Each structure stands twice: as C-alpha cells, then as structure tokens.
PDB file of N, CA and C in Angstrom:
ATOM      1  N   UNK A   1     -35.304  40.901  -8.086  1.00  0.00           N
ATOM      2  CA  UNK A   1     -34.724  42.154  -8.091  1.00  0.00           C
ATOM      3  C   UNK A   1     -35.721  43.002  -8.615  1.00  0.00           C
ATOM      4  N   UNK A   2     -35.606  44.331  -8.267  1.00  0.00           N
ATOM      5  CA  UNK A   2     -36.277  45.602  -8.503  1.00  0.00           C
ATOM      6  C   UNK A   2     -35.298  46.788  -8.919  1.00  0.00           C
ATOM      7  N   UNK A   3     -35.841  47.121 -10.112  1.00  0.00           N
ATOM      8  CA  UNK A   3     -34.814  48.182 -10.702  1.00  0.00           C
ATOM      9  C   UNK A   3     -35.539  49.706 -10.375  1.00  0.00           C
ATOM     10  N   UNK A   4     -35.177  50.409 -10.363  1.00  0.00           N
ATOM     11  CA  UNK A   4     -35.488  51.795 -10.274  1.00  0.00           C
ATOM     12  C   UNK A   4     -34.657  52.788 -10.984  1.00  0.00           C
ATOM     13  N   UNK A   5     -35.268  53.264 -12.448  1.00  0.00           N
ATOM     14  CA  UNK A   5     -34.477  54.186 -13.052  1.00  0.00           C
ATOM     15  C   UNK A   5     -35.145  55.659 -13.274  1.00  0.00           C
ATOM     16  N   UNK A   6     -34.625  56.675 -13.259  1.00  0.00           N
ATOM     17  CA  UNK A   6     -35.007  58.216 -13.616  1.00  0.00           C
ATOM     18  C   UNK A   6     -33.833  58.671 -14.643  1.00  0.00           C
ATOM     19  N   UNK A   7     -34.358  59.976 -15.228  1.00  0.00           N
ATOM     20  CA  UNK A   7     -33.806  60.429 -16.077  1.00  0.00           C
ATOM     21  C   UNK A   7     -33.172  61.957 -15.367  1.00  0.00           C
ATOM     22  N   UNK A   8     -33.228  62.153 -14.614  1.00  0.00           N
ATOM     23  CA  UNK A   8     -32.513  63.291 -13.707  1.00  0.00           C
ATOM     24  C   UNK A   8     -31.123  63.586 -14.155  1.00  0.00           C
ATOM     25  N   UNK A   9     -30.335  64.505 -13.398  1.00  0.00           N
ATOM     26  CA  UNK A   9     -28.918  64.638 -13.781  1.00  0.00           C
ATOM     27  C   UNK A   9     -27.580  63.844 -13.185  1.00  0.00           C
ATOM     28  N   UNK A  10     -28.367  63.102 -12.404  1.00  0.00           N
ATOM     29  CA  UNK A  10     -27.583  61.765 -11.841  1.00  0.00           C
ATOM     30  C   UNK A  10     -26.506  62.203 -11.063  1.00  0.00           C
ATOM     31  N   UNK A  11     -25.267  61.528 -10.498  1.00  0.00           N
ATOM     32  CA  UNK A  11     -24.575  61.697  -9.749  1.00  0.00           C
ATOM     33  C   UNK A  11     -22.852  61.620 -10.352  1.00  0.00           C
ATOM     34  N   UNK A  12     -22.306  62.766  -9.963  1.00  0.00           N
ATOM     35  CA  UNK A  12     -21.196  62.704 -10.606  1.00  0.00           C
ATOM     36  C   UNK A  12     -20.134  61.397 -10.379  1.00  0.00           C
ATOM     37  N   UNK A  13     -19.552  60.902 -11.254  1.00  0.00           N
ATOM     38  CA  UNK A  13     -18.997  59.607 -11.244  1.00  0.00           C
ATOM     39  C   UNK A  13     -17.833  59.723  -9.667  1.00  0.00           C
ATOM     40  N   UNK A  14     -16.990  60.534  -9.457  1.00  0.00           N
ATOM     41  CA  UNK A  14     -16.191  60.797  -8.425  1.00  0.00           C
ATOM     42  C   UNK A  14     -17.063  60.498  -6.805  1.00  0.00           C
ATOM     43  N   UNK A  15     -18.172  60.900  -7.053  1.00  0.00           N
ATOM     44  CA  UNK A  15     -19.115  60.790  -5.953  1.00  0.00           C
ATOM     45  C   UNK A  15     -20.080  59.394  -5.514  1.00  0.00           C
ATOM     46  N   UNK A  16     -19.933  58.745  -6.749  1.00  0.00           N
ATOM     47  CA  UNK A  16     -20.775  57.248  -6.697  1.00  0.00           C
ATOM     48  C   UNK A  16     -20.528  56.381  -5.679  1.00  0.00           C
ATOM     49  N   UNK A  17     -19.274  56.285  -5.431  1.00  0.00           N
ATOM     50  CA  UNK A  17     -19.009  55.512  -4.216  1.00  0.00           C
ATOM     51  C   UNK A  17     -19.473  55.958  -2.827  1.00  0.00           C
ATOM     52  N   UNK A  18     -19.870  57.128  -2.830  1.00  0.00           N
ATOM     53  CA  UNK A  18     -20.284  57.545  -1.469  1.00  0.00           C
ATOM     54  C   UNK A  18     -21.643  57.895  -1.154  1.00  0.00           C
ATOM     55  N   UNK A  19     -22.885  57.336  -2.136  1.00  0.00           N
ATOM     56  CA  UNK A  19     -24.163  57.618  -2.323  1.00  0.00           C
ATOM     57  C   UNK A  19     -24.589  56.898  -0.985  1.00  0.00           C
ATOM     58  N   UNK A  20     -24.188  55.920  -0.421  1.00  0.00           N
ATOM     59  CA  UNK A  20     -25.032  55.127   0.561  1.00  0.00           C
ATOM     60  C   UNK A  20     -24.363  55.523   1.784  1.00  0.00           C
ATOM     61  N   UNK A  21     -23.479  56.463   1.691  1.00  0.00           N
ATOM     62  CA  UNK A  21     -22.984  56.970   2.840  1.00  0.00           C
ATOM     63  C   UNK A  21     -24.001  57.786   3.856  1.00  0.00           C
ATOM     64  N   UNK A  22     -24.025  57.471   5.087  1.00  0.00           N
ATOM     65  CA  UNK A  22     -25.210  58.472   6.002  1.00  0.00           C
ATOM     66  C   UNK A  22     -24.628  59.842   5.863  1.00  0.00           C
ATOM     67  N   UNK A  23     -25.522  60.908   5.686  1.00  0.00           N
ATOM     68  CA  UNK A  23     -25.384  62.372   5.613  1.00  0.00           C
ATOM     69  C   UNK A  23     -24.486  62.871   4.323  1.00  0.00           C
ATOM     70  N   UNK A  24     -23.951  61.987   3.357  1.00  0.00           N
ATOM     71  CA  UNK A  24     -24.000  62.620   2.192  1.00  0.00           C
ATOM     72  C   UNK A  24     -25.063  62.970   1.246  1.00  0.00           C
ATOM     73  N   UNK A  25     -25.111  64.097   0.595  1.00  0.00           N
ATOM     74  CA  UNK A  25     -25.767  64.506  -0.225  1.00  0.00           C
ATOM     75  C   UNK A  25     -25.532  65.282  -1.454  1.00  0.00           C
ATOM     76  N   UNK A  26     -25.925  65.163  -2.449  1.00  0.00           N
ATOM     77  CA  UNK A  26     -25.774  66.090  -3.714  1.00  0.00           C
ATOM     78  C   UNK A  26     -26.604  67.143  -3.691  1.00  0.00           C
ATOM     79  N   UNK A  27     -27.742  67.448  -2.723  1.00  0.00           N
ATOM     80  CA  UNK A  27     -28.701  68.053  -2.923  1.00  0.00           C
ATOM     81  C   UNK A  27     -28.662  69.236  -1.768  1.00  0.00           C
ATOM     82  N   UNK A  28     -29.325  70.713  -2.758  1.00  0.00           N
ATOM     83  CA  UNK A  28     -29.382  71.651  -1.476  1.00  0.00           C
ATOM     84  C   UNK A  28     -30.404  71.352  -0.434  1.00  0.00           C
ATOM     85  N   UNK A  29     -30.192  71.027   1.027  1.00  0.00           N
ATOM     86  CA  UNK A  29     -31.203  71.083   1.956  1.00  0.00           C
ATOM     87  C   UNK A  29     -31.445  69.499   1.973  1.00  0.00           C
ATOM     88  N   UNK A  30     -30.887  68.604   1.309  1.00  0.00           N
ATOM     89  CA  UNK A  30     -30.690  67.412   1.422  1.00  0.00           C
ATOM     90  C   UNK A  30     -30.212  66.595   2.904  1.00  0.00           C
ATOM     91  N   UNK A  31     -30.874  65.708   3.483  1.00  0.00           N
ATOM     92  CA  UNK A  31     -30.451  65.110   4.467  1.00  0.00           C
ATOM     93  C   UNK A  31     -29.024  64.144   4.768  1.00  0.00           C
ATOM     94  N   UNK A  32     -29.322  63.577   3.199  1.00  0.00           N
ATOM     95  CA  UNK A  32     -28.174  62.387   3.078  1.00  0.00           C
ATOM     96  C   UNK A  32     -28.599  61.267   3.813  1.00  0.00           C
ATOM     97  N   UNK A  33     -29.765  60.836   4.084  1.00  0.00           N
ATOM     98  CA  UNK A  33     -30.156  59.883   4.913  1.00  0.00           C
ATOM     99  C   UNK A  33     -31.099  58.802   4.194  1.00  0.00           C
ATOM    100  N   UNK A  34     -31.606  59.301   2.924  1.00  0.00           N
ATOM    101  CA  UNK A  34     -32.599  58.409   2.115  1.00  0.00           C
ATOM    102  C   UNK A  34     -32.006  56.943   1.564  1.00  0.00           C
ATOM    103  N   UNK A  35     -30.797  57.090   1.284  1.00  0.00           N
ATOM    104  CA  UNK A  35     -29.969  55.745   0.332  1.00  0.00           C
ATOM    105  C   UNK A  35     -29.637  55.171   1.674  1.00  0.00           C
ATOM    106  N   UNK A  36     -29.213  55.726   2.154  1.00  0.00           N
ATOM    107  CA  UNK A  36     -28.531  55.291   3.440  1.00  0.00           C
ATOM    108  C   UNK A  36     -29.607  54.226   4.251  1.00  0.00           C
ATOM    109  N   UNK A  37     -30.721  54.399   4.417  1.00  0.00           N
ATOM    110  CA  UNK A  37     -31.259  53.920   4.912  1.00  0.00           C
ATOM    111  C   UNK A  37     -31.820  52.607   4.415  1.00  0.00           C
ATOM    112  N   UNK A  38     -32.151  52.729   3.086  1.00  0.00           N
ATOM    113  CA  UNK A  38     -32.529  52.008   2.199  1.00  0.00           C
ATOM    114  C   UNK A  38     -31.078  50.805   1.831  1.00  0.00           C
ATOM    115  N   UNK A  39     -29.985  51.213   1.786  1.00  0.00           N
ATOM    116  CA  UNK A  39     -28.665  50.355   2.156  1.00  0.00           C
ATOM    117  C   UNK A  39     -28.819  49.740   3.456  1.00  0.00           C
ATOM    118  N   UNK A  40     -29.160  49.894   4.245  1.00  0.00           N
ATOM    119  CA  UNK A  40     -29.273  49.326   5.809  1.00  0.00           C
ATOM    120  C   UNK A  40     -30.263  48.562   5.721  1.00  0.00           C
ATOM    121  N   UNK A  41     -31.340  48.925   5.396  1.00  0.00           N
ATOM    122  CA  UNK A  41     -32.696  47.777   5.279  1.00  0.00           C
ATOM    123  C   UNK A  41     -32.448  46.644   4.432  1.00  0.00           C
ATOM    124  N   UNK A  42     -32.103  47.062   3.135  1.00  0.00           N
ATOM    125  CA  UNK A  42     -31.684  45.534   2.430  1.00  0.00           C
ATOM    126  C   UNK A  42     -30.630  44.782   2.717  1.00  0.00           C
ATOM    127  N   UNK A  43     -29.407  45.595   3.148  1.00  0.00           N
ATOM    128  CA  UNK A  43     -28.459  44.566   3.797  1.00  0.00           C
ATOM    129  C   UNK A  43     -28.779  43.830   4.958  1.00  0.00           C
ATOM    130  N   UNK A  44     -29.735  44.520   5.751  1.00  0.00           N
ATOM    131  CA  UNK A  44     -30.212  43.349   6.954  1.00  0.00           C
ATOM    132  C   UNK A  44     -31.013  42.206   6.576  1.00  0.00           C
ATOM    133  N   UNK A  45     -31.619  42.468   5.405  1.00  0.00           N
ATOM    134  CA  UNK A  45     -32.433  41.658   4.852  1.00  0.00           C
ATOM    135  C   UNK A  45     -31.569  40.581   3.844  1.00  0.00           C
ATOM    136  N   UNK A  46     -30.327  40.622   4.218  1.00  0.00           N
ATOM    137  CA  UNK A  46     -29.499  39.798   3.084  1.00  0.00           C
ATOM    138  C   UNK A  46     -29.101  40.030   1.481  1.00  0.00           C
ATOM    139  N   UNK A  47     -30.077  41.165   1.342  1.00  0.00           N
ATOM    140  CA  UNK A  47     -29.756  41.799   0.003  1.00  0.00           C
ATOM    141  C   UNK A  47     -28.737  42.656  -0.461  1.00  0.00           C
ATOM    142  N   UNK A  48     -28.946  43.274  -1.672  1.00  0.00           N
ATOM    143  CA  UNK A  48     -28.037  44.039  -2.170  1.00  0.00           C
ATOM    144  C   UNK A  48     -28.764  45.388  -2.844  1.00  0.00           C
ATOM    145  N   UNK A  49     -27.800  46.433  -2.751  1.00  0.00           N
ATOM    146  CA  UNK A  49     -28.517  47.581  -3.619  1.00  0.00           C
ATOM    147  C   UNK A  49     -27.147  47.881  -4.346  1.00  0.00           C
ATOM    148  N   UNK A  50     -27.337  48.715  -5.757  1.00  0.00           N
ATOM    149  CA  UNK A  50     -26.705  48.510  -6.612  1.00  0.00           C
ATOM    150  C   UNK A  50     -26.988  49.716  -7.489  1.00  0.00           C
ATOM    151  N   UNK A  51     -26.093  50.940  -7.539  1.00  0.00           N
ATOM    152  CA  UNK A  51     -26.391  52.012  -8.451  1.00  0.00           C
ATOM    153  C   UNK A  51     -25.137  52.349  -9.737  1.00  0.00           C
ATOM    154  N   UNK A  52     -26.063  52.848 -10.733  1.00  0.00           N
ATOM    155  CA  UNK A  52     -25.247  52.895 -11.731  1.00  0.00           C
ATOM    156  C   UNK A  52     -25.587  53.888 -12.677  1.00  0.00           C
ATOM    157  N   UNK A  53     -24.551  54.964 -13.690  1.00  0.00           N
ATOM    158  CA  UNK A  53     -25.390  55.501 -14.430  1.00  0.00           C
ATOM    159  C   UNK A  53     -25.893  55.380 -15.657  1.00  0.00           C
ATOM    160  N   UNK A  54     -27.293  56.044 -15.998  1.00  0.00           N
ATOM    161  CA  UNK A  54     -27.466  55.443 -17.213  1.00  0.00           C
ATOM    162  C   UNK A  54     -26.483  56.270 -18.163  1.00  0.00           C
ATOM    163  N   UNK A  55     -26.574  55.621 -19.509  1.00  0.00           N
ATOM    164  CA  UNK A  55     -25.998  56.401 -20.552  1.00  0.00           C
ATOM    165  C   UNK A  55     -26.759  57.528 -21.106  1.00  0.00           C
ATOM    166  N   UNK A  56     -26.382  58.602 -21.127  1.00  0.00           N
ATOM    167  CA  UNK A  56     -27.324  59.777 -21.270  1.00  0.00           C
ATOM    168  C   UNK A  56     -27.402  60.083 -20.240  1.00  0.00           C
ATOM    169  N   UNK A  57     -28.214  60.288 -19.425  1.00  0.00           N
ATOM    170  CA  UNK A  57     -28.847  60.987 -18.080  1.00  0.00           C
ATOM    171  C   UNK A  57     -29.546  59.723 -16.968  1.00  0.00           C
ATOM    172  N   UNK A  58     -29.232  60.370 -15.984  1.00  0.00           N
ATOM    173  CA  UNK A  58     -29.985  59.531 -14.699  1.00  0.00           C
ATOM    174  C   UNK A  58     -29.231  58.463 -14.218  1.00  0.00           C
ATOM    175  N   UNK A  59     -30.183  57.803 -13.215  1.00  0.00           N
ATOM    176  CA  UNK A  59     -29.336  56.532 -12.573  1.00  0.00           C
ATOM    177  C   UNK A  59     -30.218  55.387 -12.493  1.00  0.00           C
ATOM    178  N   UNK A  60     -29.576  54.278 -12.406  1.00  0.00           N
ATOM    179  CA  UNK A  60     -30.497  53.168 -11.919  1.00  0.00           C
ATOM    180  C   UNK A  60     -30.179  52.601 -10.875  1.00  0.00           C
ATOM    181  N   UNK A  61     -31.044  52.111  -9.889  1.00  0.00           N
ATOM    182  CA  UNK A  61     -30.930  51.562  -8.719  1.00  0.00           C
ATOM    183  C   UNK A  61     -31.434  50.295  -8.709  1.00  0.00           C
ATOM    184  N   UNK A  62     -30.759  49.102  -8.317  1.00  0.00           N
ATOM    185  CA  UNK A  62     -31.093  48.051  -8.354  1.00  0.00           C
ATOM    186  C   UNK A  62     -31.234  47.126  -7.423  1.00  0.00           C
ATOM    187  N   UNK A  63     -32.339  46.792  -6.676  1.00  0.00           N
ATOM    188  CA  UNK A  63     -32.330  46.145  -5.280  1.00  0.00           C
ATOM    189  C   UNK A  63     -32.811  44.466  -5.347  1.00  0.00           C
ATOM    190  N   UNK A  64     -31.882  44.038  -4.783  1.00  0.00           N
ATOM    191  CA  UNK A  64     -31.195  42.506  -4.885  1.00  0.00           C
ATOM    192  C   UNK A  64     -31.907  41.973  -3.736  1.00  0.00           C
ATOM    193  N   UNK A  65     -32.824  40.937  -3.490  1.00  0.00           N
ATOM    194  CA  UNK A  65     -33.071  40.416  -2.053  1.00  0.00           C
ATOM    195  C   UNK A  65     -33.254  38.862  -2.281  1.00  0.00           C
ATOM    196  N   UNK A  66     -32.914  38.126  -1.331  1.00  0.00           N
ATOM    197  CA  UNK A  66     -32.942  36.471  -1.635  1.00  0.00           C
ATOM    198  C   UNK A  66     -34.534  36.511  -1.440  1.00  0.00           C
ATOM    199  N   UNK A  67     -34.592  34.840  -2.080  1.00  0.00           N
ATOM    200  CA  UNK A  67     -36.081  34.404  -1.967  1.00  0.00           C
ATOM    201  C   UNK A  67     -35.760  33.911  -0.463  1.00  0.00           C
ATOM    202  N   UNK A  68     -36.998  34.192   0.500  1.00  0.00           N
ATOM    203  CA  UNK A  68     -37.036  33.574   1.701  1.00  0.00           C
ATOM    204  C   UNK A  68     -37.327  31.984   1.644  1.00  0.00           C
ATOM    205  N   UNK A  69     -37.002  31.015   2.566  1.00  0.00           N
ATOM    206  CA  UNK A  69     -37.078  29.812   2.282  1.00  0.00           C
ATOM    207  C   UNK A  69     -38.689  29.419   2.745  1.00  0.00           C
ATOM    208  N   UNK A  70     -38.950  28.325   1.736  1.00  0.00           N
ATOM    209  CA  UNK A  70     -40.256  27.942   1.648  1.00  0.00           C
ATOM    210  C   UNK A  70     -41.208  29.240   1.262  1.00  0.00           C
ATOM    211  N   UNK A  71     -40.693  30.505   0.580  1.00  0.00           N
ATOM    212  CA  UNK A  71     -41.568  31.535   0.051  1.00  0.00           C
ATOM    213  C   UNK A  71     -42.178  31.260  -1.240  1.00  0.00           C
ATOM    214  N   UNK A  72     -42.882  32.367  -1.887  1.00  0.00           N
ATOM    215  CA  UNK A  72     -43.604  32.222  -3.077  1.00  0.00           C
ATOM    216  C   UNK A  72     -42.138  32.206  -4.154  1.00  0.00           C
ATOM    217  N   UNK A  73     -42.539  31.597  -5.420  1.00  0.00           N
ATOM    218  CA  UNK A  73     -41.524  31.683  -6.144  1.00  0.00           C
ATOM    219  C   UNK A  73     -42.009  32.388  -7.542  1.00  0.00           C
TER     220      UNK A  73
END
C-alpha cells in the first residue's frame, strides 16, 4: 500500500464519488484524466485506489496492489 496525502482544498463530499470518472474535474482548465488513468492502471493490476478527505484539509489517496506470486516480500 502506498498513501499520498496533501493539504489542499480537497474535494467537496458530494463530488467524491465521481473523482475517478474520465473527464470529471474540479479545476479550471483540468482535463479530468489524471485520476481516471491512475484508477484504470491500478485496477488492471488487480489493485484498488481509495480516496478520503483528511480531517482539516486536503485528501489522502491509498493505492493497494497485490503481491506478485513469488515476488519480493
């Protein structure tokens, strides 16, 4: 598992369920493809991406990938 945390303005709770949708963005001039591509790559490798709001400000994204058979532990 890898977690990335920021202290930005975050995402409004009513939009949280859409942040991995292609072309959805909360930024002026954004393409809405960044998180959609991350989600697709992680999913194709049998993993999961989760997003949650931090207490106070910002977001935390957790990327969980399965261990590969016979891989490093």
